[in-house]
Every structure is written in C-alpha cells, then in structure tokens.
C-alpha cells in the first residue's frame, strides 16, 4: 500500500517537474528524491506510530545472529563492485574526452 502511494506521488511529481516546469533530468531527480522521502517518512510513521504494536518490538540479539556472513558477503560483493566501477570509470573518461574542444591524439599523425 505504501509503495503504491509512493509510485503515484512519483508519477505526479515527475509530470509536474519534467513536463510542466520544464526541468528535464533535474526535475526527474528531484521527483525521485521527494517521493523517496515520502516513502521513508511513511515507513517511519508505520513503525513508530503506535497503532500497529506488533510492527516493531525493539532491538534483540536475534537481529545480529547472522551478521558475520552478511559482512563477508558485503565485502566480496564490494570488491566486484569496485572492479566494475573501474571499467565504468574508463568508459566515462573516454566519453567525456570526446566532448573536450581541440583534442589531439598525442601518438597519431
């Protein structure tokens, strides 16, 4: 229910910022940020509002039971993420170099 509300808010804000206010990609990013804040505030109200007492009962030791395997998985996926970012770095660098004025190839004749 909450994610459906966020989706509707996002669509309406996207239409407003992108098409009505002609903000383009910046407007889409603003709409995404605002709608994500609506989702976060809605979840906070749901958890701590008090009318759903079984939603959260506080921290327990059981929450930290499987923390070590998750940390190991995070470290291993972080290494692969950094490897992918290295490839993306070079691709973006080459793309941006094409937009520089008066570029010269140092080894070409």
PDB file of N, CA and C in Angstrom:
ATOM      1  N   UNK A   1       0.818  -1.186   0.000  1.00  0.00           N
ATOM      2  CA  UNK A   1       0.000   0.000   0.000  1.00  0.00           C
ATOM      3  C   UNK A   1       0.865   1.255   0.000  1.00  0.00           C
ATOM      4  N   UNK A   2       1.887   1.236   0.854  1.00  0.00           N
ATOM      5  CA  UNK A   2       2.755   2.404   0.963  1.00  0.00           C
ATOM      6  C   UNK A   2       3.567   2.625  -0.312  1.00  0.00           C
ATOM      7  N   UNK A   3       4.051   1.538  -0.915  1.00  0.00           N
ATOM      8  CA  UNK A   3       4.819   1.682  -2.153  1.00  0.00           C
ATOM      9  C   UNK A   3       3.929   2.124  -3.312  1.00  0.00           C
ATOM     10  N   UNK A   4       2.664   1.733  -3.307  1.00  0.00           N
ATOM     11  CA  UNK A   4       1.729   2.204  -4.335  1.00  0.00           C
ATOM     12  C   UNK A   4       1.508   3.703  -4.204  1.00  0.00           C
ATOM     13  N   UNK A   5       1.384   4.169  -2.970  1.00  0.00           N
ATOM     14  CA  UNK A   5       1.239   5.604  -2.720  1.00  0.00           C
ATOM     15  C   UNK A   5       2.489   6.350  -3.196  1.00  0.00           C
ATOM     16  N   UNK A   6       3.659   5.792  -2.927  1.00  0.00           N
ATOM     17  CA  UNK A   6       4.895   6.424  -3.370  1.00  0.00           C
ATOM     18  C   UNK A   6       4.982   6.448  -4.891  1.00  0.00           C
ATOM     19  N   UNK A   7       4.541   5.378  -5.544  1.00  0.00           N
ATOM     20  CA  UNK A   7       4.561   5.317  -7.005  1.00  0.00           C
ATOM     21  C   UNK A   7       3.672   6.402  -7.609  1.00  0.00           C
ATOM     22  N   UNK A   8       2.473   6.566  -7.062  1.00  0.00           N
ATOM     23  CA  UNK A   8       1.552   7.597  -7.565  1.00  0.00           C
ATOM     24  C   UNK A   8       2.143   8.985  -7.343  1.00  0.00           C
ATOM     25  N   UNK A   9       2.698   9.216  -6.153  1.00  0.00           N
ATOM     26  CA  UNK A   9       3.332  10.507  -5.862  1.00  0.00           C
ATOM     27  C   UNK A   9       4.483  10.759  -6.832  1.00  0.00           C
ATOM     28  N   UNK A  10       5.270   9.727  -7.103  1.00  0.00           N
ATOM     29  CA  UNK A  10       6.408   9.879  -8.013  1.00  0.00           C
ATOM     30  C   UNK A  10       5.953  10.233  -9.430  1.00  0.00           C
ATOM     31  N   UNK A  11       4.927   9.560  -9.913  1.00  0.00           N
ATOM     32  CA  UNK A  11       4.420   9.855 -11.257  1.00  0.00           C
ATOM     33  C   UNK A  11       3.911  11.293 -11.335  1.00  0.00           C
ATOM     34  N   UNK A  12       3.130  11.702 -10.339  1.00  0.00           N
ATOM     35  CA  UNK A  12       2.591  13.065 -10.346  1.00  0.00           C
ATOM     36  C   UNK A  12       3.697  14.113 -10.247  1.00  0.00           C
ATOM     37  N   UNK A  13       4.672  13.874  -9.389  1.00  0.00           N
ATOM     38  CA  UNK A  13       5.780  14.823  -9.267  1.00  0.00           C
ATOM     39  C   UNK A  13       6.636  14.842 -10.529  1.00  0.00           C
ATOM     40  N   UNK A  14       6.806  13.684 -11.163  1.00  0.00           N
ATOM     41  CA  UNK A  14       7.570  13.637 -12.414  1.00  0.00           C
ATOM     42  C   UNK A  14       6.882  14.448 -13.498  1.00  0.00           C
ATOM     43  N   UNK A  15       5.585  14.298 -13.614  1.00  0.00           N
ATOM     44  CA  UNK A  15       4.840  15.085 -14.601  1.00  0.00           C
ATOM     45  C   UNK A  15       4.981  16.570 -14.303  1.00  0.00           C
ATOM     46  N   UNK A  16       4.867  16.920 -13.023  1.00  0.00           N
ATOM     47  CA  UNK A  16       4.971  18.326 -12.639  1.00  0.00           C
ATOM     48  C   UNK A  16       6.344  18.896 -12.957  1.00  0.00           C
ATOM     49  N   UNK A  17       7.398  18.244 -12.478  1.00  0.00           N
ATOM     50  CA  UNK A  17       8.738  18.806 -12.633  1.00  0.00           C
ATOM     51  C   UNK A  17       9.285  18.693 -14.051  1.00  0.00           C
ATOM     52  N   UNK A  18       9.049  17.558 -14.717  1.00  0.00           N
ATOM     53  CA  UNK A  18       9.649  17.341 -16.032  1.00  0.00           C
ATOM     54  C   UNK A  18       8.878  18.058 -17.129  1.00  0.00           C
ATOM     55  N   UNK A  19       7.544  17.927 -17.129  1.00  0.00           N
ATOM     56  CA  UNK A  19       6.765  18.470 -18.235  1.00  0.00           C
ATOM     57  C   UNK A  19       6.199  19.859 -17.967  1.00  0.00           C
ATOM     58  N   UNK A  20       5.641  20.073 -16.805  1.00  0.00           N
ATOM     59  CA  UNK A  20       5.003  21.365 -16.523  1.00  0.00           C
ATOM     60  C   UNK A  20       6.028  22.456 -16.232  1.00  0.00           C
ATOM     61  N   UNK A  21       7.064  22.131 -15.453  1.00  0.00           N
ATOM     62  CA  UNK A  21       8.078  23.125 -15.099  1.00  0.00           C
ATOM     63  C   UNK A  21       9.303  23.075 -16.014  1.00  0.00           C
ATOM     64  N   UNK A  22       9.311  22.145 -16.991  1.00  0.00           N
ATOM     65  CA  UNK A  22      10.389  22.006 -17.982  1.00  0.00           C
ATOM     66  C   UNK A  22      11.773  21.910 -17.345  1.00  0.00           C
ATOM     67  N   UNK A  23      11.898  21.069 -16.318  1.00  0.00           N
ATOM     68  CA  UNK A  23      13.183  20.939 -15.634  1.00  0.00           C
ATOM     69  C   UNK A  23      14.017  19.768 -16.155  1.00  0.00           C
ATOM     70  N   UNK A  24      13.448  18.914 -16.981  1.00  0.00           N
ATOM     71  CA  UNK A  24      14.189  17.819 -17.588  1.00  0.00           C
ATOM     72  C   UNK A  24      14.671  16.779 -16.593  1.00  0.00           C
ATOM     73  N   UNK A  25      15.930  16.351 -16.773  1.00  0.00           N
ATOM     74  CA  UNK A  25      16.500  15.306 -15.928  1.00  0.00           C
ATOM     75  C   UNK A  25      16.610  15.768 -14.479  1.00  0.00           C
ATOM     76  N   UNK A  26      16.926  17.032 -14.269  1.00  0.00           N
ATOM     77  CA  UNK A  26      16.993  17.554 -12.897  1.00  0.00           C
ATOM     78  C   UNK A  26      15.638  17.435 -12.210  1.00  0.00           C
ATOM     79  N   UNK A  27      14.575  17.706 -12.930  1.00  0.00           N
ATOM     80  CA  UNK A  27      13.235  17.563 -12.371  1.00  0.00           C
ATOM     81  C   UNK A  27      12.903  16.123 -12.036  1.00  0.00           C
ATOM     82  N   UNK A  28      13.360  15.192 -12.885  1.00  0.00           N
ATOM     83  CA  UNK A  28      13.130  13.771 -12.597  1.00  0.00           C
ATOM     84  C   UNK A  28      13.873  13.346 -11.338  1.00  0.00           C
ATOM     85  N   UNK A  29      15.083  13.852 -11.159  1.00  0.00           N
ATOM     86  CA  UNK A  29      15.843  13.518  -9.952  1.00  0.00           C
ATOM     87  C   UNK A  29      15.198  14.121  -8.714  1.00  0.00           C
ATOM     88  N   UNK A  30      14.693  15.330  -8.820  1.00  0.00           N
ATOM     89  CA  UNK A  30      14.007  15.964  -7.690  1.00  0.00           C
ATOM     90  C   UNK A  30      12.743  15.182  -7.343  1.00  0.00           C
ATOM     91  N   UNK A  31      11.989  14.770  -8.363  1.00  0.00           N
ATOM     92  CA  UNK A  31      10.767  13.994  -8.125  1.00  0.00           C
ATOM     93  C   UNK A  31      11.086  12.668  -7.439  1.00  0.00           C
ATOM     94  N   UNK A  32      12.150  12.001  -7.869  1.00  0.00           N
ATOM     95  CA  UNK A  32      12.544  10.741  -7.237  1.00  0.00           C
ATOM     96  C   UNK A  32      12.951  10.959  -5.784  1.00  0.00           C
ATOM     97  N   UNK A  33      13.685  12.020  -5.537  1.00  0.00           N
ATOM     98  CA  UNK A  33      14.121  12.302  -4.168  1.00  0.00           C
ATOM     99  C   UNK A  33      12.934  12.594  -3.255  1.00  0.00           C
ATOM    100  N   UNK A  34      12.017  13.425  -3.716  1.00  0.00           N
ATOM    101  CA  UNK A  34      10.854  13.776  -2.891  1.00  0.00           C
ATOM    102  C   UNK A  34       9.977  12.553  -2.642  1.00  0.00           C
ATOM    103  N   UNK A  35       9.727  11.757  -3.680  1.00  0.00           N
ATOM    104  CA  UNK A  35       8.870  10.582  -3.489  1.00  0.00           C
ATOM    105  C   UNK A  35       9.544   9.547  -2.588  1.00  0.00           C
ATOM    106  N   UNK A  36      10.860   9.445  -2.645  1.00  0.00           N
ATOM    107  CA  UNK A  36      11.566   8.533  -1.742  1.00  0.00           C
ATOM    108  C   UNK A  36      11.467   9.006  -0.298  1.00  0.00           C
ATOM    109  N   UNK A  37      11.485  10.313  -0.091  1.00  0.00           N
ATOM    110  CA  UNK A  37      11.308  10.851   1.263  1.00  0.00           C
ATOM    111  C   UNK A  37       9.904  10.550   1.773  1.00  0.00           C
ATOM    112  N   UNK A  38       8.898  10.627   0.897  1.00  0.00           N
ATOM    113  CA  UNK A  38       7.537  10.254   1.304  1.00  0.00           C
ATOM    114  C   UNK A  38       7.492   8.803   1.780  1.00  0.00           C
ATOM    115  N   UNK A  39       8.168   7.912   1.058  1.00  0.00           N
ATOM    116  CA  UNK A  39       8.197   6.503   1.445  1.00  0.00           C
ATOM    117  C   UNK A  39       8.890   6.321   2.793  1.00  0.00           C
ATOM    118  N   UNK A  40      10.025   6.984   2.982  1.00  0.00           N
ATOM    119  CA  UNK A  40      10.764   6.850   4.235  1.00  0.00           C
ATOM    120  C   UNK A  40       9.960   7.391   5.417  1.00  0.00           C
ATOM    121  N   UNK A  41       9.318   8.525   5.251  1.00  0.00           N
ATOM    122  CA  UNK A  41       8.504   9.103   6.327  1.00  0.00           C
ATOM    123  C   UNK A  41       7.298   8.210   6.614  1.00  0.00           C
ATOM    124  N   UNK A  42       6.685   7.655   5.576  1.00  0.00           N
ATOM    125  CA  UNK A  42       5.561   6.740   5.770  1.00  0.00           C
ATOM    126  C   UNK A  42       5.957   5.490   6.532  1.00  0.00           C
ATOM    127  N   UNK A  43       7.125   4.926   6.213  1.00  0.00           N
ATOM    128  CA  UNK A  43       7.602   3.759   6.954  1.00  0.00           C
ATOM    129  C   UNK A  43       7.902   4.117   8.407  1.00  0.00           C
ATOM    130  N   UNK A  44       8.491   5.270   8.628  1.00  0.00           N
ATOM    131  CA  UNK A  44       8.782   5.717   9.994  1.00  0.00           C
ATOM    132  C   UNK A  44       7.493   5.860  10.800  1.00  0.00           C
ATOM    133  N   UNK A  45       6.468   6.448  10.194  1.00  0.00           N
ATOM    134  CA  UNK A  45       5.177   6.606  10.877  1.00  0.00           C
ATOM    135  C   UNK A  45       4.551   5.240  11.153  1.00  0.00           C
ATOM    136  N   UNK A  46       4.656   4.316  10.194  1.00  0.00           N
ATOM    137  CA  UNK A  46       4.094   2.979  10.391  1.00  0.00           C
ATOM    138  C   UNK A  46       4.782   2.250  11.546  1.00  0.00           C
ATOM    139  N   UNK A  47       6.101   2.330  11.592  1.00  0.00           N
ATOM    140  CA  UNK A  47       6.841   1.588  12.618  1.00  0.00           C
ATOM    141  C   UNK A  47       6.664   2.205  13.997  1.00  0.00           C
ATOM    142  N   UNK A  48       6.790   3.510  14.089  1.00  0.00           N
ATOM    143  CA  UNK A  48       6.792   4.163  15.397  1.00  0.00           C
ATOM    144  C   UNK A  48       5.482   4.854  15.745  1.00  0.00           C
ATOM    145  N   UNK A  49       4.450   4.718  14.913  1.00  0.00           N
ATOM    146  CA  UNK A  49       3.185   5.412  15.152  1.00  0.00           C
ATOM    147  C   UNK A  49       2.429   4.937  16.369  1.00  0.00           C
ATOM    148  N   UNK A  50       2.498   3.666  16.684  1.00  0.00           N
ATOM    149  CA  UNK A  50       1.853   3.161  17.873  1.00  0.00           C
ATOM    150  C   UNK A  50       0.564   2.410  17.621  1.00  0.00           C
ATOM    151  N   UNK A  51      -0.099   2.602  16.495  1.00  0.00           N
ATOM    152  CA  UNK A  51      -1.357   1.897  16.245  1.00  0.00           C
ATOM    153  C   UNK A  51      -1.124   0.502  15.679  1.00  0.00           C
ATOM    154  N   UNK A  52       0.106   0.139  15.382  1.00  0.00           N
ATOM    155  CA  UNK A  52       0.461  -1.226  14.972  1.00  0.00           C
ATOM    156  C   UNK A  52       1.534  -1.729  15.936  1.00  0.00           C
ATOM    157  N   UNK A  53       1.156  -2.173  17.134  1.00  0.00           N
ATOM    158  CA  UNK A  53       2.158  -2.506  18.152  1.00  0.00           C
ATOM    159  C   UNK A  53       3.026  -3.711  17.800  1.00  0.00           C
ATOM    160  N   UNK A  54       2.582  -4.558  16.885  1.00  0.00           N
ATOM    161  CA  UNK A  54       3.381  -5.725  16.524  1.00  0.00           C
ATOM    162  C   UNK A  54       4.358  -5.442  15.391  1.00  0.00           C
ATOM    163  N   UNK A  55       4.408  -4.212  14.885  1.00  0.00           N
ATOM    164  CA  UNK A  55       5.285  -3.914  13.762  1.00  0.00           C
ATOM    165  C   UNK A  55       6.754  -3.913  14.161  1.00  0.00           C
ATOM    166  N   UNK A  56       7.079  -3.409  15.361  1.00  0.00           N
ATOM    167  CA  UNK A  56       8.470  -3.398  15.819  1.00  0.00           C
ATOM    168  C   UNK A  56       8.493  -3.431  17.330  1.00  0.00           C
ATOM    169  N   UNK A  57       9.227  -4.365  17.868  1.00  0.00           N
ATOM    170  CA  UNK A  57       9.282  -4.504  19.327  1.00  0.00           C
ATOM    171  C   UNK A  57      10.645  -4.137  19.885  1.00  0.00           C
ATOM    172  N   UNK A  58      11.485  -3.509  19.099  1.00  0.00           N
ATOM    173  CA  UNK A  58      12.805  -3.095  19.563  1.00  0.00           C
ATOM    174  C   UNK A  58      13.899  -4.046  19.116  1.00  0.00           C
ATOM    175  N   UNK A  59      15.123  -3.686  19.439  1.00  0.00           N
ATOM    176  CA  UNK A  59      16.271  -4.499  19.068  1.00  0.00           C
ATOM    177  C   UNK A  59      16.387  -5.712  19.981  1.00  0.00           C
ATOM    178  N   UNK A  60      16.762  -6.832  19.388  1.00  0.00           N
ATOM    179  CA  UNK A  60      17.045  -8.044  20.152  1.00  0.00           C
ATOM    180  C   UNK A  60      18.364  -8.622  19.655  1.00  0.00           C
ATOM    181  N   UNK A  61      18.901  -9.571  20.383  1.00  0.00           N
ATOM    182  CA  UNK A  61      20.138 -10.231  19.980  1.00  0.00           C
ATOM    183  C   UNK A  61      19.916 -11.030  18.695  1.00  0.00           C
ATOM    184  N   UNK A  62      18.712 -11.498  18.463  1.00  0.00           N
ATOM    185  CA  UNK A  62      18.404 -12.284  17.263  1.00  0.00           C
ATOM    186  C   UNK A  62      18.614 -11.474  15.982  1.00  0.00           C
ATOM    187  N   UNK A  63      18.522 -10.160  16.067  1.00  0.00           N
ATOM    188  CA  UNK A  63      18.732  -9.325  14.887  1.00  0.00           C
ATOM    189  C   UNK A  63      20.179  -9.373  14.411  1.00  0.00           C
ATOM    190  N   UNK A  64      21.104  -9.679  15.307  1.00  0.00           N
ATOM    191  CA  UNK A  64      22.519  -9.687  14.969  1.00  0.00           C
ATOM    192  C   UNK A  64      23.084 -11.098  14.832  1.00  0.00           C
ATOM    193  N   UNK A  65      22.217 -12.107  14.779  1.00  0.00           N
ATOM    194  CA  UNK A  65      22.641 -13.508  14.751  1.00  0.00           C
ATOM    195  C   UNK A  65      23.467 -13.838  13.513  1.00  0.00           C
ATOM    196  N   UNK A  66      23.019 -13.454  12.351  1.00  0.00           N
ATOM    197  CA  UNK A  66      23.695 -13.788  11.095  1.00  0.00           C
ATOM    198  C   UNK A  66      24.456 -12.603  10.526  1.00  0.00           C
ATOM    199  N   UNK A  67      25.018 -11.788  11.357  1.00  0.00           N
ATOM    200  CA  UNK A  67      25.686 -10.575  10.901  1.00  0.00           C
ATOM    201  C   UNK A  67      27.026 -10.868  10.220  1.00  0.00           C
ATOM    202  N   UNK A  68      27.787 -11.842  10.708  1.00  0.00           N
ATOM    203  CA  UNK A  68      29.108 -12.145  10.150  1.00  0.00           C
ATOM    204  C   UNK A  68      29.015 -12.628   8.698  1.00  0.00           C
ATOM    205  N   UNK A  69      28.129 -13.564   8.325  1.00  0.00           N
ATOM    206  CA  UNK A  69      28.031 -13.947   6.910  1.00  0.00           C
ATOM    207  C   UNK A  69      27.602 -12.788   6.007  1.00  0.00           C
ATOM    208  N   UNK A  70      26.763 -11.921   6.515  1.00  0.00           N
ATOM    209  CA  UNK A  70      26.333 -10.777   5.710  1.00  0.00           C
ATOM    210  C   UNK A  70      27.497  -9.821   5.479  1.00  0.00           C
ATOM    211  N   UNK A  71      28.326  -9.618   6.488  1.00  0.00           N
ATOM    212  CA  UNK A  71      29.503  -8.757   6.327  1.00  0.00           C
ATOM    213  C   UNK A  71      30.474  -9.365   5.321  1.00  0.00           C
ATOM    214  N   UNK A  72      30.680 -10.686   5.376  1.00  0.00           N
ATOM    215  CA  UNK A  72      31.555 -11.354   4.410  1.00  0.00           C
ATOM    216  C   UNK A  72      31.020 -11.196   2.992  1.00  0.00           C
ATOM    217  N   UNK A  73      29.719 -11.358   2.819  1.00  0.00           N
ATOM    218  CA  UNK A  73      29.106 -11.195   1.506  1.00  0.00           C
ATOM    219  C   UNK A  73      29.233  -9.755   1.024  1.00  0.00           C
ATOM    220  N   UNK A  74      29.081  -8.807   1.912  1.00  0.00           N
ATOM    221  CA  UNK A  74      29.204  -7.396   1.546  1.00  0.00           C
ATOM    222  C   UNK A  74      30.615  -7.068   1.085  1.00  0.00           C
ATOM    223  N   UNK A  75      31.598  -7.612   1.761  1.00  0.00           N
ATOM    224  CA  UNK A  75      32.989  -7.354   1.379  1.00  0.00           C
ATOM    225  C   UNK A  75      33.287  -7.956   0.015  1.00  0.00           C
ATOM    226  N   UNK A  76      32.845  -9.192  -0.228  1.00  0.00           N
ATOM    227  CA  UNK A  76      33.123  -9.830  -1.518  1.00  0.00           C
ATOM    228  C   UNK A  76      32.380  -9.135  -2.655  1.00  0.00           C
ATOM    229  N   UNK A  77      31.146  -8.715  -2.434  1.00  0.00           N
ATOM    230  CA  UNK A  77      30.423  -8.017  -3.495  1.00  0.00           C
ATOM    231  C   UNK A  77      30.970  -6.611  -3.678  1.00  0.00           C
ATOM    232  N   UNK A  78      31.518  -6.023  -2.629  1.00  0.00           N
ATOM    233  CA  UNK A  78      32.134  -4.706  -2.745  1.00  0.00           C
ATOM    234  C   UNK A  78      33.356  -4.737  -3.634  1.00  0.00           C
ATOM    235  N   UNK A  79      34.114  -5.839  -3.562  1.00  0.00           N
ATOM    236  CA  UNK A  79      35.289  -5.974  -4.421  1.00  0.00           C
ATOM    237  C   UNK A  79      34.880  -6.062  -5.884  1.00  0.00           C
ATOM    238  N   UNK A  80      33.845  -6.830  -6.181  1.00  0.00           N
ATOM    239  CA  UNK A  80      33.398  -6.932  -7.570  1.00  0.00           C
ATOM    240  C   UNK A  80      32.788  -5.619  -8.036  1.00  0.00           C
ATOM    241  N   UNK A  81      32.135  -4.901  -7.121  1.00  0.00           N
ATOM    242  CA  UNK A  81      31.566  -3.598  -7.467  1.00  0.00           C
ATOM    243  C   UNK A  81      32.671  -2.618  -7.843  1.00  0.00           C
ATOM    244  N   UNK A  82      33.760  -2.615  -7.082  1.00  0.00           N
ATOM    245  CA  UNK A  82      34.864  -1.710  -7.390  1.00  0.00           C
ATOM    246  C   UNK A  82      35.522  -2.077  -8.717  1.00  0.00           C
ATOM    247  N   UNK A  83      35.568  -3.367  -9.040  1.00  0.00           N
ATOM    248  CA  UNK A  83      36.100  -3.772 -10.334  1.00  0.00           C
ATOM    249  C   UNK A  83      35.237  -3.278 -11.479  1.00  0.00           C
ATOM    250  N   UNK A  84      33.930  -3.355 -11.315  1.00  0.00           N
ATOM    251  CA  UNK A  84      33.021  -2.849 -12.344  1.00  0.00           C
ATOM    252  C   UNK A  84      33.123  -1.329 -12.454  1.00  0.00           C
ATOM    253  N   UNK A  85      33.286  -0.654 -11.330  1.00  0.00           N
ATOM    254  CA  UNK A  85      33.408   0.805 -11.361  1.00  0.00           C
ATOM    255  C   UNK A  85      34.689   1.237 -12.063  1.00  0.00           C
ATOM    256  N   UNK A  86      35.731   0.411 -11.987  1.00  0.00           N
ATOM    257  CA  UNK A  86      36.969   0.720 -12.682  1.00  0.00           C
ATOM    258  C   UNK A  86      36.729   0.731 -14.190  1.00  0.00           C
ATOM    259  N   UNK A  87      35.980  -0.250 -14.690  1.00  0.00           N
ATOM    260  CA  UNK A  87      35.667  -0.282 -16.118  1.00  0.00           C
ATOM    261  C   UNK A  87      34.786   0.890 -16.517  1.00  0.00           C
ATOM    262  N   UNK A  88      33.796   1.221 -15.685  1.00  0.00           N
ATOM    263  CA  UNK A  88      32.919   2.351 -15.983  1.00  0.00           C
ATOM    264  C   UNK A  88      33.679   3.669 -15.953  1.00  0.00           C
ATOM    265  N   UNK A  89      34.679   3.768 -15.078  1.00  0.00           N
ATOM    266  CA  UNK A  89      35.478   4.986 -15.000  1.00  0.00           C
ATOM    267  C   UNK A  89      36.148   5.261 -16.340  1.00  0.00           C
ATOM    268  N   UNK A  90      36.762   4.245 -16.932  1.00  0.00           N
ATOM    269  CA  UNK A  90      37.437   4.439 -18.206  1.00  0.00           C
ATOM    270  C   UNK A  90      36.440   4.732 -19.324  1.00  0.00           C
ATOM    271  N   UNK A  91      35.290   4.093 -19.300  1.00  0.00           N
ATOM    272  CA  UNK A  91      34.287   4.351 -20.332  1.00  0.00           C
ATOM    273  C   UNK A  91      33.780   5.787 -20.257  1.00  0.00           C
ATOM    274  N   UNK A  92      33.509   6.272 -19.057  1.00  0.00           N
ATOM    275  CA  UNK A  92      33.038   7.654 -18.896  1.00  0.00           C
ATOM    276  C   UNK A  92      34.147   8.632 -19.240  1.00  0.00           C
ATOM    277  N   UNK A  93      35.382   8.320 -18.881  1.00  0.00           N
ATOM    278  CA  UNK A  93      36.509   9.186 -19.196  1.00  0.00           C
ATOM    279  C   UNK A  93      36.671   9.344 -20.705  1.00  0.00           C
ATOM    280  N   UNK A  94      36.555   8.251 -21.441  1.00  0.00           N
ATOM    281  CA  UNK A  94      36.662   8.314 -22.897  1.00  0.00           C
ATOM    282  C   UNK A  94      35.490   9.094 -23.484  1.00  0.00           C
ATOM    283  N   UNK A  95      34.290   8.878 -22.944  1.00  0.00           N
ATOM    284  CA  UNK A  95      33.120   9.606 -23.420  1.00  0.00           C
ATOM    285  C   UNK A  95      33.280  11.104 -23.198  1.00  0.00           C
ATOM    286  N   UNK A  96      33.715  11.500 -22.025  1.00  0.00           N
ATOM    287  CA  UNK A  96      33.875  12.923 -21.726  1.00  0.00           C
ATOM    288  C   UNK A  96      35.024  13.545 -22.510  1.00  0.00           C
ATOM    289  N   UNK A  97      36.048  12.771 -22.816  1.00  0.00           N
ATOM    290  CA  UNK A  97      37.159  13.295 -23.607  1.00  0.00           C
ATOM    291  C   UNK A  97      36.696  13.667 -25.010  1.00  0.00           C
ATOM    292  N   UNK A  98      35.680  13.003 -25.509  1.00  0.00           N
ATOM    293  CA  UNK A  98      35.155  13.341 -26.828  1.00  0.00           C
ATOM    294  C   UNK A  98      34.444  14.678 -26.865  1.00  0.00           C
ATOM    295  N   UNK A  99      34.013  15.180 -25.727  1.00  0.00           N
ATOM    296  CA  UNK A  99      33.331  16.466 -25.668  1.00  0.00           C
ATOM    297  C   UNK A  99      34.284  17.633 -25.412  1.00  0.00           C
ATOM    298  N   UNK A 100      35.562  17.353 -25.225  1.00  0.00           N
ATOM    299  CA  UNK A 100      36.528  18.427 -24.980  1.00  0.00           C
ATOM    300  C   UNK A 100      36.864  19.122 -26.293  1.00  0.00           C
ATOM    301  N   UNK A 101      36.967  20.454 -26.269  1.00  0.00           N
ATOM    302  CA  UNK A 101      37.312  21.161 -27.505  1.00  0.00           C
ATOM    303  C   UNK A 101      38.806  21.009 -27.813  1.00  0.00           C
ATOM    304  N   UNK A 102      39.135  20.980 -29.095  1.00  0.00           N
ATOM    305  CA  UNK A 102      40.519  20.959 -29.577  1.00  0.00           C
ATOM    306  C   UNK A 102      41.332  19.805 -28.995  1.00  0.00           C
ATOM    307  N   UNK A 103      40.777  18.627 -29.005  1.00  0.00           N
ATOM    308  CA  UNK A 103      41.529  17.477 -28.504  1.00  0.00           C
ATOM    309  C   UNK A 103      42.483  16.989 -29.574  1.00  0.00           C
ATOM    310  N   UNK A 104      43.638  16.507 -29.149  1.00  0.00           N
ATOM    311  CA  UNK A 104      44.634  15.965 -30.067  1.00  0.00           C
ATOM    312  C   UNK A 104      45.070  14.605 -29.563  1.00  0.00           C
ATOM    313  N   UNK A 105      45.336  13.720 -30.480  1.00  0.00           N
ATOM    314  CA  UNK A 105      45.857  12.408 -30.124  1.00  0.00           C
ATOM    315  C   UNK A 105      47.378  12.518 -30.096  1.00  0.00           C
ATOM    316  N   UNK A 106      48.033  12.293 -28.964  1.00  0.00           N
ATOM    317  CA  UNK A 106      49.471  12.541 -28.871  1.00  0.00           C
ATOM    318  C   UNK A 106      50.320  11.603 -29.726  1.00  0.00           C
ATOM    319  N   UNK A 107      49.844  10.405 -30.031  1.00  0.00           N
ATOM    320  CA  UNK A 107      50.663   9.473 -30.802  1.00  0.00           C
ATOM    321  C   UNK A 107      50.304   9.428 -32.275  1.00  0.00           C
ATOM    322  N   UNK A 108      49.219  10.059 -32.666  1.00  0.00           N
ATOM    323  CA  UNK A 108      48.767   9.974 -34.050  1.00  0.00           C
ATOM    324  C   UNK A 108      49.383  11.042 -34.934  1.00  0.00           C
ATOM    325  N   UNK A 109      49.444  10.746 -36.224  1.00  0.00           N
ATOM    326  CA  UNK A 109      49.982  11.720 -37.168  1.00  0.00           C
ATOM    327  C   UNK A 109      48.905  12.241 -38.065  1.00  0.00           C
TER     328      UNK A 109
END
